[in-house]
Amino acid sequence: MAINLGYFVRESVVSFRRNWVMSLGAIITIYLSLLLVGVSVTGSMIVGQVVRDVEEKVSIRIFLKDGAAPEDVDKLQADLAADPRVKSIKYTSKEQALEEFKASMTESPEIVEQLEVNPLPASLDVDTVKPQDVMAVVETIKANPTFVKVCDRPDDPERSLKYGQQIVNQLFAFTRVLRVVGVVFIVMLAVISLIFINNTIRLAIYARRKEIGIMRLVGASNWFIRTPFLLEGLIQSLVGALLALLTLGVFESFALPKVEQTVAFLNLSLSPGSMAQVAVILIVGALVIGLSGSGFALRRYLKV
């Protein structure tokens, strides 16, 4: 069995070298296909992680008008506290809002110095138990008559609410578009990869037609004749997968940390487990492409 395996590998390598131009074209196409798959999967993982981080920080801020009656503010707080979807409520006065603004503008103190009066409104910060409940709680707030009485824009109450769910929705919409575009390109490159492997195996069969005829005469089994060609397709696919993994590894090790430094407020790092999942997906994809392309070519051009 070991001798047969060695024979199959040698024959695959010989055929690979004999048709190196077509083999190289197949490897490059498979590499680009799997690299796009890896980028798509990695990007989806990163975006999903960012969305989860943003969701955890999503809260609702209600801006209150100057001179709002304290009893009305207390009533709105009590109504919100009674909602089981609400986790906590924090009141921030105008003075506290100004102090927080000053603390955030330490690098540009001249902006604070130009303020003659305090333009910032008081506010209520509402945290929900689940990020998914933000929109429902917002609708409840807008339907509360006390909210209209205390909000700083009674003519347009919607503008008195600030909540991060819009950002999350935009991220999800952006992710959906990326996935659709990525799937289209992946399918196109996968088809091209199958065509390249198919042509490479066809040329290999034609170059060894006399040898194949002799093996038929001496009674070689179908699998004995087919296996070197299948291995050739697998070698091309696995080399393409290895190149794709190396490219992704270089990006993850060198480029991604620099991007993280630029957007330090976002968690863009990937865990070893996530990278292992990407590696498994690419290797399985390579096996599927290699076996499918080789198998189609053998069924079509090698009648044994």
Foldseek 3Di string as FASTA:
>chain_A
DVVLVVVLQVLLVVLCVVLVVLLVVLLVLLLVLLLLVLCLLLVVVLLVQQLVVVLQVKKKKFFWAPPQDPVLVVVLVVVQVPDLFWDDKDKFALVNVLVVVCVVCVVPCVVVVPDPDRPGTIIMIIDTPGSVCRVVVVVVLVPDPSSLRTGRCVVDRVVRMDTCVVVSVVSVVVSVVSVVVSVVVSVVSLVVSLVSLLVSLLVSCVVCVVVVVVCVVVPPDPCSVQSSSLVSLLVSLVSSLVSSLVVVVCCLVPVVVVVCVVVVVGDRHDDPVSSVVSSVVSSVVSNVSSNNSSVVNCVVRPDD
